[in-house]
N, C-alpha and C. Protein backbone atom coordinates (compact mmCIF):
# COMPACT_ATOMS: atom_id res chain seq x y z
N UNK A 1 -13.22 2.96 -4.89
CA UNK A 1 -12.24 2.15 -4.77
C UNK A 1 -12.64 0.69 -4.17
N UNK A 2 -11.85 -0.27 -4.79
CA UNK A 2 -12.27 -1.94 -4.37
C UNK A 2 -10.96 -2.64 -4.38
N UNK A 3 -10.99 -3.80 -3.83
CA UNK A 3 -9.79 -4.81 -3.64
C UNK A 3 -9.83 -5.39 -5.27
N UNK A 4 -9.07 -5.47 -5.98
CA UNK A 4 -8.50 -6.11 -6.88
C UNK A 4 -8.70 -7.69 -6.73
N UNK A 5 -9.72 -8.29 -7.33
CA UNK A 5 -10.13 -9.62 -6.91
C UNK A 5 -9.07 -10.73 -7.72
N UNK A 6 -8.77 -10.31 -8.79
CA UNK A 6 -7.88 -11.34 -9.78
C UNK A 6 -6.71 -11.21 -9.89
N UNK A 7 -6.33 -10.03 -8.98
CA UNK A 7 -4.57 -9.67 -9.30
C UNK A 7 -3.63 -10.80 -8.73
N UNK A 8 -2.60 -10.61 -9.26
CA UNK A 8 -1.53 -11.60 -8.85
C UNK A 8 -1.02 -11.26 -7.46
N UNK A 9 -1.07 -10.02 -7.03
CA UNK A 9 -0.62 -9.69 -5.78
C UNK A 9 -1.75 -8.58 -5.05
N UNK A 10 -1.68 -8.49 -3.93
CA UNK A 10 -2.58 -7.71 -3.28
C UNK A 10 -2.62 -6.19 -3.93
N UNK A 11 -3.60 -5.82 -4.18
CA UNK A 11 -3.99 -4.53 -4.99
C UNK A 11 -5.27 -3.86 -4.65
N UNK A 12 -5.34 -2.54 -4.85
CA UNK A 12 -6.72 -1.91 -4.70
C UNK A 12 -6.88 -1.10 -6.12
N UNK A 13 -8.07 -1.18 -6.72
CA UNK A 13 -8.19 -0.39 -7.97
C UNK A 13 -9.16 0.85 -7.74
N UNK A 14 -8.52 1.96 -8.06
CA UNK A 14 -9.30 3.39 -8.08
C UNK A 14 -9.71 3.74 -9.54
N UNK A 15 -10.90 4.13 -9.34
CA UNK A 15 -11.50 4.52 -10.62
C UNK A 15 -11.23 6.02 -10.70
N UNK A 16 -10.74 6.50 -11.90
CA UNK A 16 -10.27 7.97 -11.82
C UNK A 16 -10.91 8.42 -13.11
N UNK A 17 -11.70 9.90 -12.74
CA UNK A 17 -12.37 10.45 -13.74
C UNK A 17 -11.44 11.34 -14.35
N UNK A 18 -11.44 11.50 -15.87
CA UNK A 18 -10.51 12.37 -16.63
C UNK A 18 -11.60 13.32 -17.49
N UNK A 19 -11.30 14.38 -17.43
CA UNK A 19 -11.67 15.33 -18.33
C UNK A 19 -10.94 16.31 -19.06
N UNK A 20 -11.09 16.56 -20.35
CA UNK A 20 -10.24 17.36 -21.23
C UNK A 20 -11.23 18.37 -21.78
N UNK A 21 -10.60 19.65 -22.45
CA UNK A 21 -11.18 20.67 -23.01
C UNK A 21 -11.35 20.04 -24.58
N UNK A 22 -10.75 19.27 -25.00
CA UNK A 22 -10.85 18.99 -26.57
C UNK A 22 -10.51 17.33 -26.86
N UNK A 23 -10.94 16.74 -27.94
CA UNK A 23 -10.61 15.45 -28.11
C UNK A 23 -9.20 15.02 -27.72
N UNK A 24 -8.99 13.77 -27.25
CA UNK A 24 -7.57 13.51 -26.91
C UNK A 24 -7.28 12.17 -27.70
N UNK A 25 -6.24 12.06 -28.43
CA UNK A 25 -5.83 10.67 -29.09
C UNK A 25 -5.37 9.55 -27.84
N UNK A 26 -4.57 10.17 -27.14
CA UNK A 26 -4.14 9.06 -26.10
C UNK A 26 -3.56 9.99 -25.24
N UNK A 27 -3.16 9.33 -24.03
CA UNK A 27 -2.66 10.01 -22.64
C UNK A 27 -1.94 8.93 -21.95
N UNK A 28 -0.74 9.41 -21.70
CA UNK A 28 0.40 8.50 -20.72
C UNK A 28 0.29 9.21 -19.56
N UNK A 29 -0.21 8.55 -18.51
CA UNK A 29 -0.57 9.15 -17.11
C UNK A 29 0.35 8.58 -16.22
N UNK A 30 0.99 9.28 -15.59
CA UNK A 30 2.06 8.92 -14.31
C UNK A 30 1.17 9.44 -13.11
N UNK A 31 1.21 8.71 -12.01
CA UNK A 31 0.58 9.17 -10.52
C UNK A 31 1.43 8.83 -9.53
N UNK A 32 1.88 9.80 -8.76
CA UNK A 32 2.44 9.37 -7.36
C UNK A 32 1.48 9.50 -6.40
N UNK A 33 1.19 8.53 -5.54
CA UNK A 33 0.19 8.48 -4.49
C UNK A 33 0.97 8.43 -3.21
N UNK A 34 0.48 9.33 -2.42
CA UNK A 34 1.03 9.51 -1.02
C UNK A 34 -0.05 9.52 -0.01
N UNK A 35 0.48 9.00 1.07
CA UNK A 35 -0.59 9.17 2.23
C UNK A 35 -0.30 10.38 3.10
N UNK A 36 -1.22 11.06 3.36
CA UNK A 36 -1.37 12.17 4.06
C UNK A 36 -1.53 12.06 5.52
N UNK A 37 -0.54 11.76 6.25
CA UNK A 37 -0.48 10.95 7.59
C UNK A 37 -1.13 11.75 8.48
N UNK A 38 -0.83 13.13 8.32
CA UNK A 38 -1.28 14.18 9.32
C UNK A 38 -2.71 14.69 9.04
N UNK A 39 -3.23 14.22 8.11
CA UNK A 39 -4.57 14.65 7.62
C UNK A 39 -5.89 14.01 8.26
N UNK A 40 -5.57 12.88 9.27
CA UNK A 40 -6.56 12.15 10.17
C UNK A 40 -6.05 12.13 11.54
N UNK A 41 -7.31 11.86 12.24
CA UNK A 41 -7.07 11.63 13.65
C UNK A 41 -6.69 10.15 14.06
N UNK A 42 -6.01 9.91 15.19
CA UNK A 42 -5.71 8.67 15.50
C UNK A 42 -6.15 8.49 17.13
N UNK A 43 -6.45 7.26 17.12
CA UNK A 43 -6.68 6.82 18.61
C UNK A 43 -5.41 6.32 19.31
N UNK A 44 -5.77 6.55 20.67
CA UNK A 44 -4.14 6.43 21.54
C UNK A 44 -3.52 4.95 21.02
N UNK A 45 -4.10 3.83 20.88
CA UNK A 45 -3.37 2.60 20.46
C UNK A 45 -2.94 2.80 18.74
N UNK A 46 -3.40 3.35 18.08
CA UNK A 46 -2.72 3.72 16.70
C UNK A 46 -1.65 4.64 16.96
N UNK A 47 -1.76 5.74 17.90
CA UNK A 47 -0.62 6.69 17.97
C UNK A 47 0.59 5.87 18.57
N UNK A 48 0.42 4.90 19.31
CA UNK A 48 1.47 4.24 20.15
C UNK A 48 2.12 3.44 19.01
N UNK A 49 1.19 2.77 18.02
CA UNK A 49 1.93 1.84 17.05
C UNK A 49 2.73 2.82 15.97
N UNK A 50 2.21 3.71 15.74
CA UNK A 50 2.66 4.60 14.95
C UNK A 50 4.05 5.38 15.16
N UNK A 51 4.35 5.41 16.43
CA UNK A 51 5.37 6.13 17.04
C UNK A 51 6.93 5.63 16.38
N UNK A 52 6.87 4.45 15.98
CA UNK A 52 8.19 3.81 15.30
C UNK A 52 8.30 4.59 13.86
N UNK A 53 7.29 4.82 13.27
CA UNK A 53 7.56 5.38 11.83
C UNK A 53 7.45 6.90 12.09
N UNK A 54 6.87 7.62 12.94
CA UNK A 54 6.92 9.17 12.98
C UNK A 54 7.57 9.78 14.26
N UNK A 55 7.82 8.89 15.34
CA UNK A 55 8.19 9.40 16.55
C UNK A 55 7.22 10.02 17.33
N UNK A 56 7.44 10.39 18.39
CA UNK A 56 6.29 10.85 19.44
C UNK A 56 6.13 12.44 19.37
N UNK A 57 6.77 13.09 18.24
CA UNK A 57 6.45 14.49 18.18
C UNK A 57 5.38 14.92 17.10
N UNK A 58 5.04 16.12 17.00
CA UNK A 58 4.04 16.58 16.22
C UNK A 58 3.97 15.93 14.65
N UNK A 59 2.93 15.56 13.91
CA UNK A 59 2.83 14.98 12.72
C UNK A 59 2.33 15.76 11.80
N UNK A 60 2.33 16.95 11.69
CA UNK A 60 2.25 18.06 10.91
C UNK A 60 2.93 17.82 9.66
N UNK A 61 2.22 17.80 8.19
CA UNK A 61 2.81 17.58 6.97
C UNK A 61 3.55 16.45 6.95
N UNK A 62 3.33 15.32 7.82
CA UNK A 62 3.85 13.95 7.67
C UNK A 62 3.26 13.33 6.38
N UNK A 63 4.07 12.70 5.42
CA UNK A 63 3.52 11.96 4.44
C UNK A 63 4.23 10.82 4.24
N UNK A 64 3.76 9.67 3.38
CA UNK A 64 4.26 8.62 3.10
C UNK A 64 3.94 8.46 1.66
N UNK A 65 5.13 7.86 0.93
CA UNK A 65 4.94 7.29 -0.40
C UNK A 65 4.19 6.01 -0.52
N UNK A 66 3.04 5.99 -1.06
CA UNK A 66 2.31 4.56 -1.37
C UNK A 66 2.89 3.98 -2.56
N UNK A 67 2.73 4.55 -3.68
CA UNK A 67 3.11 3.88 -4.79
C UNK A 67 3.30 5.10 -6.13
N UNK A 68 4.09 4.57 -7.09
CA UNK A 68 4.25 5.53 -8.36
C UNK A 68 3.87 4.57 -9.27
N UNK A 69 2.44 4.72 -9.85
CA UNK A 69 1.96 3.96 -11.16
C UNK A 69 2.00 4.76 -12.49
N UNK A 70 1.91 3.95 -13.47
CA UNK A 70 1.69 4.58 -14.72
C UNK A 70 0.51 3.76 -15.61
N UNK A 71 -0.11 4.53 -16.38
CA UNK A 71 -1.04 3.82 -17.11
C UNK A 71 -1.23 4.35 -18.55
N UNK A 72 -1.83 3.85 -19.66
CA UNK A 72 -2.15 4.59 -20.84
C UNK A 72 -3.52 4.45 -21.05
N UNK A 73 -4.02 5.65 -21.51
CA UNK A 73 -5.52 5.72 -21.91
C UNK A 73 -5.75 6.13 -23.36
N UNK A 74 -6.67 5.37 -23.76
CA UNK A 74 -6.96 5.25 -25.46
C UNK A 74 -7.63 6.42 -25.74
N UNK A 75 -8.10 6.74 -26.96
CA UNK A 75 -8.66 7.86 -27.71
C UNK A 75 -10.11 8.14 -26.87
N UNK A 76 -10.27 9.36 -26.62
CA UNK A 76 -11.70 9.64 -25.92
C UNK A 76 -12.12 11.06 -26.32
N UNK A 77 -13.17 11.60 -26.34
CA UNK A 77 -13.65 12.98 -26.80
C UNK A 77 -13.28 13.94 -25.68
N UNK A 78 -13.90 13.93 -24.53
CA UNK A 78 -13.94 14.92 -23.58
C UNK A 78 -13.76 14.08 -22.08
N UNK A 79 -14.36 13.08 -21.97
CA UNK A 79 -14.62 12.63 -20.74
C UNK A 79 -14.22 10.95 -21.03
N UNK A 80 -13.62 10.31 -19.88
CA UNK A 80 -13.41 8.91 -19.82
C UNK A 80 -12.91 8.67 -18.30
N UNK A 81 -12.82 7.45 -18.16
CA UNK A 81 -12.58 7.00 -16.65
C UNK A 81 -11.49 5.78 -16.96
N UNK A 82 -10.51 5.69 -16.00
CA UNK A 82 -9.45 4.60 -16.00
C UNK A 82 -9.32 4.26 -14.53
N UNK A 83 -8.74 2.97 -14.63
CA UNK A 83 -8.73 2.30 -13.13
C UNK A 83 -6.82 2.44 -12.78
N UNK A 84 -6.83 2.91 -11.88
CA UNK A 84 -5.34 2.90 -11.18
C UNK A 84 -5.30 1.88 -10.32
N UNK A 85 -4.28 1.09 -10.57
CA UNK A 85 -4.23 -0.15 -9.68
C UNK A 85 -2.94 0.18 -8.82
N UNK A 86 -3.14 0.21 -7.47
CA UNK A 86 -2.35 0.41 -6.30
C UNK A 86 -1.92 -0.83 -5.66
N UNK A 87 -0.76 -1.18 -5.85
CA UNK A 87 -0.08 -2.13 -4.81
C UNK A 87 -0.20 -2.11 -3.33
N UNK A 88 -0.64 -3.15 -2.66
CA UNK A 88 -0.64 -3.03 -1.41
C UNK A 88 0.36 -3.93 -0.57
N UNK A 89 1.38 -3.19 -0.04
CA UNK A 89 2.54 -3.85 0.12
C UNK A 89 2.25 -4.90 1.47
N UNK A 90 2.71 -5.91 1.34
CA UNK A 90 2.58 -6.92 2.46
C UNK A 90 3.85 -7.30 3.26
N UNK A 91 5.04 -6.54 3.07
CA UNK A 91 6.30 -6.78 3.66
C UNK A 91 6.11 -6.17 4.79
N UNK A 92 6.38 -6.87 5.79
CA UNK A 92 5.98 -6.43 7.52
C UNK A 92 6.78 -5.40 7.55
N UNK A 93 8.00 -5.27 6.96
CA UNK A 93 8.99 -4.10 7.48
C UNK A 93 8.94 -2.71 6.64
N UNK A 94 8.11 -2.92 5.70
CA UNK A 94 7.92 -1.70 4.68
C UNK A 94 7.21 -0.63 5.49
N UNK A 95 7.55 0.54 5.24
CA UNK A 95 6.72 1.70 5.83
C UNK A 95 5.51 1.51 5.69
N UNK A 96 5.12 1.68 4.73
CA UNK A 96 3.58 1.51 4.19
C UNK A 96 2.72 0.67 4.77
N UNK A 97 3.30 -0.73 5.13
CA UNK A 97 2.76 -1.78 5.48
C UNK A 97 2.54 -1.71 7.23
N UNK A 98 3.58 -1.16 7.64
CA UNK A 98 3.61 -0.58 9.24
C UNK A 98 2.47 0.42 9.38
N UNK A 99 2.28 1.41 8.72
CA UNK A 99 1.44 2.31 8.74
C UNK A 99 -0.23 1.93 8.69
N UNK A 100 -0.22 0.84 7.56
CA UNK A 100 -1.66 0.53 7.39
C UNK A 100 -1.83 -0.55 8.61
N UNK A 101 -0.97 -1.31 8.90
CA UNK A 101 -1.04 -2.13 10.01
C UNK A 101 -1.64 -1.49 11.34
N UNK A 102 -0.98 -0.22 11.54
CA UNK A 102 -1.19 0.38 12.73
C UNK A 102 -2.56 1.05 12.91
N UNK A 103 -3.51 0.94 11.85
CA UNK A 103 -4.69 1.57 11.94
C UNK A 103 -5.75 0.47 12.04
N UNK A 104 -6.68 1.03 12.99
CA UNK A 104 -7.80 -0.16 13.36
C UNK A 104 -8.85 -0.02 12.60
N UNK A 105 -8.95 1.13 11.67
CA UNK A 105 -10.18 1.48 10.85
C UNK A 105 -10.14 2.78 10.44
N UNK A 106 -11.45 3.35 9.95
CA UNK A 106 -11.39 4.52 9.32
C UNK A 106 -10.93 4.68 8.01
N UNK A 107 -10.22 5.91 7.51
CA UNK A 107 -9.76 6.00 6.17
C UNK A 107 -8.36 6.24 6.05
N UNK A 108 -7.88 6.06 4.91
CA UNK A 108 -6.53 6.54 4.62
C UNK A 108 -6.53 7.78 3.84
N UNK A 109 -6.00 9.03 4.19
CA UNK A 109 -6.06 10.06 3.39
C UNK A 109 -4.92 10.12 2.34
N UNK A 110 -5.36 10.27 1.02
CA UNK A 110 -4.30 10.07 -0.11
C UNK A 110 -4.46 11.34 -0.86
N UNK A 111 -3.20 11.66 -1.23
CA UNK A 111 -2.85 12.79 -2.46
C UNK A 111 -2.37 12.02 -3.53
N UNK A 112 -3.11 12.43 -4.86
CA UNK A 112 -2.67 11.92 -5.95
C UNK A 112 -2.24 12.86 -7.00
N UNK A 113 -0.66 12.75 -7.36
CA UNK A 113 -0.03 13.92 -7.97
C UNK A 113 0.17 13.33 -9.30
N UNK A 114 -0.36 13.99 -10.32
CA UNK A 114 -0.50 13.66 -11.79
C UNK A 114 0.86 14.13 -12.58
N UNK A 115 1.41 13.59 -13.45
CA UNK A 115 2.13 14.15 -14.52
C UNK A 115 1.99 13.23 -15.66
N UNK A 116 2.54 13.50 -16.70
CA UNK A 116 2.50 12.73 -18.01
C UNK A 116 2.28 13.55 -19.16
N UNK A 117 1.90 12.96 -20.35
CA UNK A 117 1.94 13.37 -21.60
C UNK A 117 0.35 13.36 -22.28
N UNK A 118 -0.21 14.44 -23.03
CA UNK A 118 -1.56 14.31 -23.57
C UNK A 118 -1.21 14.40 -25.14
N UNK A 119 -1.94 13.64 -25.90
CA UNK A 119 -1.53 13.28 -27.47
C UNK A 119 -2.82 13.90 -28.15
N UNK A 120 -2.76 15.00 -28.81
CA UNK A 120 -3.90 15.52 -29.53
C UNK A 120 -3.61 16.06 -30.91
N UNK A 121 -4.88 16.22 -31.78
CA UNK A 121 -4.78 16.72 -32.97
C UNK A 121 -4.71 18.32 -33.08
N UNK A 122 -3.63 18.93 -33.64
CA UNK A 122 -3.74 20.46 -33.62
C UNK A 122 -4.79 20.96 -34.58
N UNK A 123 -4.61 22.07 -34.67
CA UNK A 123 -5.61 23.09 -35.71
C UNK A 123 -5.13 22.57 -37.09
N UNK A 124 -3.91 22.46 -37.49
CA UNK A 124 -3.44 21.90 -38.68
C UNK A 124 -3.54 20.39 -39.10
N UNK A 125 -3.95 20.02 -37.89
CA UNK A 125 -4.28 18.19 -38.30
C UNK A 125 -3.06 17.53 -38.15
N UNK A 126 -2.17 18.15 -37.60
CA UNK A 126 -0.83 17.16 -36.91
C UNK A 126 -1.18 16.68 -35.61
N UNK A 127 -0.31 15.77 -35.24
CA UNK A 127 -0.21 15.17 -33.91
C UNK A 127 0.54 15.91 -32.96
N UNK A 128 0.02 16.61 -31.97
CA UNK A 128 0.54 17.28 -30.89
C UNK A 128 0.60 16.76 -29.61
N UNK A 129 1.54 17.14 -28.97
CA UNK A 129 1.90 16.84 -27.32
C UNK A 129 2.06 17.78 -26.54
N UNK A 130 1.40 17.62 -25.42
CA UNK A 130 1.69 18.60 -24.15
C UNK A 130 1.71 18.13 -22.92
N UNK A 131 2.43 18.44 -21.94
CA UNK A 131 2.56 17.79 -20.72
C UNK A 131 1.56 18.07 -19.62
N UNK A 132 1.17 17.22 -19.00
CA UNK A 132 0.26 17.19 -18.00
C UNK A 132 1.06 18.09 -16.63
N UNK A 133 0.27 19.18 -16.38
CA UNK A 133 1.03 20.11 -15.32
C UNK A 133 1.29 19.40 -14.08
N UNK A 134 2.41 19.75 -13.33
CA UNK A 134 2.59 19.12 -12.09
C UNK A 134 1.65 19.72 -11.09
N UNK A 135 0.87 20.63 -11.31
CA UNK A 135 0.05 21.25 -10.30
C UNK A 135 -1.27 20.20 -10.32
N UNK A 136 -1.38 19.40 -11.30
CA UNK A 136 -2.69 18.60 -11.46
C UNK A 136 -2.54 17.65 -10.18
N UNK A 137 -3.57 17.58 -9.20
CA UNK A 137 -3.83 16.57 -8.31
C UNK A 137 -5.12 16.33 -7.79
N UNK A 138 -5.34 15.17 -6.94
CA UNK A 138 -6.59 15.24 -6.56
C UNK A 138 -6.40 14.47 -5.05
N UNK A 139 -7.39 14.58 -4.21
CA UNK A 139 -7.54 13.98 -2.98
C UNK A 139 -8.42 13.08 -2.75
N UNK A 140 -8.19 12.00 -2.10
CA UNK A 140 -9.19 10.84 -1.78
C UNK A 140 -9.05 10.04 -0.55
N UNK A 141 -10.06 9.80 0.20
CA UNK A 141 -10.09 8.90 1.53
C UNK A 141 -10.45 7.56 1.04
N UNK A 142 -9.30 6.64 1.18
CA UNK A 142 -9.27 5.34 0.98
C UNK A 142 -9.82 4.44 2.06
N UNK A 143 -11.01 3.90 2.17
CA UNK A 143 -11.24 3.09 3.25
C UNK A 143 -10.48 2.06 3.69
N UNK A 144 -9.94 1.91 5.22
CA UNK A 144 -9.00 1.02 5.38
C UNK A 144 -9.54 -0.44 5.21
N UNK A 145 -10.96 -0.62 5.44
CA UNK A 145 -11.31 -1.90 5.18
C UNK A 145 -11.15 -2.44 3.76
N UNK A 146 -10.92 -1.54 2.68
CA UNK A 146 -10.83 -2.02 1.54
C UNK A 146 -9.11 -2.46 1.25
N UNK A 147 -8.26 -1.79 1.78
CA UNK A 147 -6.77 -2.39 1.94
C UNK A 147 -7.00 -3.67 2.63
N UNK A 148 -7.52 -3.94 3.82
CA UNK A 148 -7.58 -5.22 4.47
C UNK A 148 -8.14 -6.34 3.58
N UNK A 149 -9.36 -5.84 2.74
CA UNK A 149 -9.90 -7.11 1.93
C UNK A 149 -8.87 -7.47 0.60
N UNK A 150 -8.07 -6.45 0.18
CA UNK A 150 -7.18 -6.73 -0.92
C UNK A 150 -6.28 -7.71 -0.20
N UNK A 151 -5.46 -7.58 1.02
CA UNK A 151 -4.65 -8.36 1.86
C UNK A 151 -5.26 -9.95 1.95
N UNK A 152 -6.45 -9.78 2.49
CA UNK A 152 -7.06 -11.09 3.02
C UNK A 152 -7.41 -11.78 1.64
N UNK A 153 -7.92 -11.35 0.26
CA UNK A 153 -7.85 -11.98 -0.74
C UNK A 153 -6.59 -13.10 -1.03
N UNK A 154 -5.54 -12.66 -0.67
CA UNK A 154 -4.32 -13.54 -1.08
C UNK A 154 -3.65 -14.07 0.30
N UNK A 155 -3.87 -13.46 1.52
CA UNK A 155 -3.26 -14.00 2.54
C UNK A 155 -4.19 -14.06 3.95
N UNK A 156 -5.26 -14.72 3.91
CA UNK A 156 -6.48 -14.99 4.80
C UNK A 156 -5.93 -15.08 6.15
N UNK A 157 -6.29 -14.32 7.07
CA UNK A 157 -6.03 -14.41 8.43
C UNK A 157 -4.30 -14.50 8.67
N UNK A 158 -3.53 -13.95 7.75
CA UNK A 158 -2.18 -14.11 8.00
C UNK A 158 -1.46 -12.98 7.17
N UNK A 159 -0.14 -12.99 7.62
CA UNK A 159 0.61 -11.96 6.60
C UNK A 159 2.13 -12.67 6.61
N UNK A 160 2.51 -12.49 5.33
CA UNK A 160 3.72 -13.21 4.78
C UNK A 160 4.99 -12.62 5.46
N UNK A 161 6.01 -13.37 6.09
CA UNK A 161 7.10 -12.85 6.65
C UNK A 161 8.17 -13.41 6.10
N UNK A 162 9.14 -12.57 5.51
CA UNK A 162 10.48 -12.97 4.72
C UNK A 162 11.55 -13.23 5.85
N UNK A 163 11.94 -14.42 6.20
CA UNK A 163 13.07 -14.80 7.07
C UNK A 163 14.51 -15.30 6.37
N UNK A 164 15.45 -14.97 6.83
CA UNK A 164 16.76 -15.56 6.33
C UNK A 164 16.70 -17.16 6.45
N UNK A 165 17.33 -17.72 5.64
CA UNK A 165 17.60 -19.27 5.56
C UNK A 165 18.21 -19.68 7.00
N UNK A 166 19.32 -18.97 7.47
CA UNK A 166 19.85 -19.43 8.78
C UNK A 166 18.87 -19.27 10.00
N UNK A 167 18.13 -18.39 10.17
CA UNK A 167 17.27 -17.98 10.90
C UNK A 167 15.96 -19.36 10.77
N UNK A 168 15.59 -19.50 9.51
CA UNK A 168 14.74 -20.80 9.41
C UNK A 168 15.07 -21.93 10.02
N UNK A 169 16.54 -22.38 9.63
CA UNK A 169 17.01 -23.41 10.21
C UNK A 169 16.96 -23.41 11.78
N UNK A 170 17.40 -22.53 12.39
CA UNK A 170 17.62 -22.35 13.81
C UNK A 170 16.01 -22.70 14.33
N UNK A 171 15.03 -21.88 13.83
CA UNK A 171 13.66 -21.93 14.22
C UNK A 171 13.30 -23.40 14.08
N UNK A 172 13.88 -24.04 12.98
CA UNK A 172 13.22 -25.58 12.70
C UNK A 172 14.11 -26.49 13.71
N UNK A 173 15.13 -26.28 14.13
CA UNK A 173 15.79 -26.84 15.05
C UNK A 173 15.23 -26.97 16.38
N UNK A 174 14.81 -25.70 16.81
CA UNK A 174 14.07 -25.29 17.98
C UNK A 174 12.77 -25.98 17.97
N UNK A 175 11.96 -25.98 16.79
CA UNK A 175 10.68 -26.77 16.58
C UNK A 175 10.91 -28.17 16.85
N UNK A 176 11.74 -28.80 16.38
CA UNK A 176 12.06 -30.36 16.44
C UNK A 176 12.42 -30.64 17.79
N UNK A 177 13.10 -29.89 18.45
CA UNK A 177 13.63 -30.08 19.89
C UNK A 177 12.32 -29.90 20.74
N UNK A 178 11.41 -28.82 20.65
CA UNK A 178 10.34 -28.81 21.47
C UNK A 178 9.13 -29.59 21.08
N UNK A 179 9.18 -30.35 19.76
CA UNK A 179 8.47 -31.30 19.44
C UNK A 179 7.01 -30.28 19.01
N UNK A 180 7.35 -29.36 18.37
CA UNK A 180 6.30 -28.37 18.04
C UNK A 180 5.63 -28.65 16.61
N UNK A 181 4.50 -28.24 16.07
CA UNK A 181 4.03 -28.74 14.79
C UNK A 181 4.58 -27.71 13.81
N UNK A 182 5.03 -26.56 13.81
CA UNK A 182 5.19 -25.66 12.62
C UNK A 182 6.15 -24.50 13.02
N UNK A 183 6.67 -23.76 12.14
CA UNK A 183 7.42 -22.58 12.37
C UNK A 183 6.62 -21.63 13.40
N UNK A 184 5.28 -21.33 12.90
CA UNK A 184 4.42 -20.41 13.71
C UNK A 184 4.43 -20.80 15.30
N UNK A 185 4.21 -22.24 15.52
CA UNK A 185 4.42 -22.81 16.55
C UNK A 185 5.67 -22.50 17.44
N UNK A 186 6.87 -22.69 16.79
CA UNK A 186 8.21 -22.34 17.24
C UNK A 186 8.44 -20.88 17.77
N UNK A 187 7.57 -20.08 16.94
CA UNK A 187 7.76 -18.50 17.20
C UNK A 187 6.70 -18.21 18.59
N UNK A 188 5.40 -18.81 18.52
CA UNK A 188 4.90 -18.53 19.64
C UNK A 188 5.56 -19.04 21.03
N UNK A 189 6.31 -20.15 20.78
CA UNK A 189 6.90 -20.71 22.04
C UNK A 189 7.90 -19.87 22.63
N UNK A 190 8.57 -19.22 21.52
CA UNK A 190 9.74 -18.18 21.95
C UNK A 190 9.06 -17.10 22.66
N UNK A 191 8.11 -16.55 21.93
CA UNK A 191 7.36 -15.34 22.70
C UNK A 191 6.96 -15.60 24.23
N UNK A 192 6.14 -16.85 24.24
CA UNK A 192 5.85 -17.31 25.48
C UNK A 192 6.88 -17.39 26.67
N UNK A 193 8.12 -17.92 26.07
CA UNK A 193 9.20 -17.93 26.81
C UNK A 193 9.79 -16.85 27.32
N UNK A 194 9.87 -15.81 26.48
CA UNK A 194 10.02 -14.49 26.94
C UNK A 194 9.38 -13.70 27.88
N UNK A 195 8.17 -14.13 27.89
CA UNK A 195 7.03 -13.68 28.68
C UNK A 195 7.08 -14.39 30.10
N UNK A 196 8.05 -15.50 30.02
CA UNK A 196 7.75 -16.37 31.48
C UNK A 196 7.36 -17.47 31.30
N UNK A 197 6.47 -17.73 30.31
CA UNK A 197 5.81 -18.69 30.59
C UNK A 197 5.95 -20.16 29.69
N UNK A 198 7.32 -20.17 29.21
CA UNK A 198 7.56 -21.33 28.27
C UNK A 198 8.71 -22.25 28.90
N UNK A 199 8.88 -23.17 28.26
CA UNK A 199 9.71 -24.10 28.76
C UNK A 199 10.84 -24.37 27.88
N UNK A 200 12.05 -24.98 28.35
CA UNK A 200 13.11 -25.33 27.49
C UNK A 200 13.89 -24.11 26.93
N UNK A 201 14.85 -24.39 26.43
CA UNK A 201 16.19 -23.52 25.84
C UNK A 201 15.41 -22.79 24.58
N UNK A 202 16.33 -21.72 24.40
CA UNK A 202 15.84 -20.61 23.11
C UNK A 202 16.59 -21.14 22.04
N UNK A 203 16.68 -20.40 20.94
CA UNK A 203 17.31 -20.56 19.83
C UNK A 203 18.83 -20.82 20.00
N UNK A 204 19.29 -21.64 19.35
CA UNK A 204 20.91 -21.97 19.52
C UNK A 204 21.55 -21.30 18.17
């Protein structure tokens, strides 16, 4: 797995090996990717950050949907490989982003659940199709660092935050009043004020 360097948005690319018992004319592959949150250990600071998602109770059998992706595979004999491109959510309020942001390192345990259709030539020479059984799945440990690399390619040392227009106007008015250089400075000043170190009034 590696960060997708030329993607339009943050993505990681997973190379998937495919094997078949007979020649395949084409393959339509669907894959649901889930994070098996209960399949790894967490340090205390990570646990504290994950309480918002999972609460403070046992986390057995907890999982999160990462993505549902589809791809088509061309003709091959019995073996081939394909890249599955998984989007890395950068929306700060998304559950997947909260989970990834809570981790200090290590790996993200994944379950890949497959479905789709296999097109092949029958013994009579006709084109046949059969479904990929829902029982087909794979497990993979994604390094947390690879996910971070994908984000850094698009947002170095930062994370995009979506704010409403009215809140932006209020922050901008506060920034001008306090003679601050940018919206980020306005947010920092408000946080310092909340901590009792700031000056002036808050948002109006």
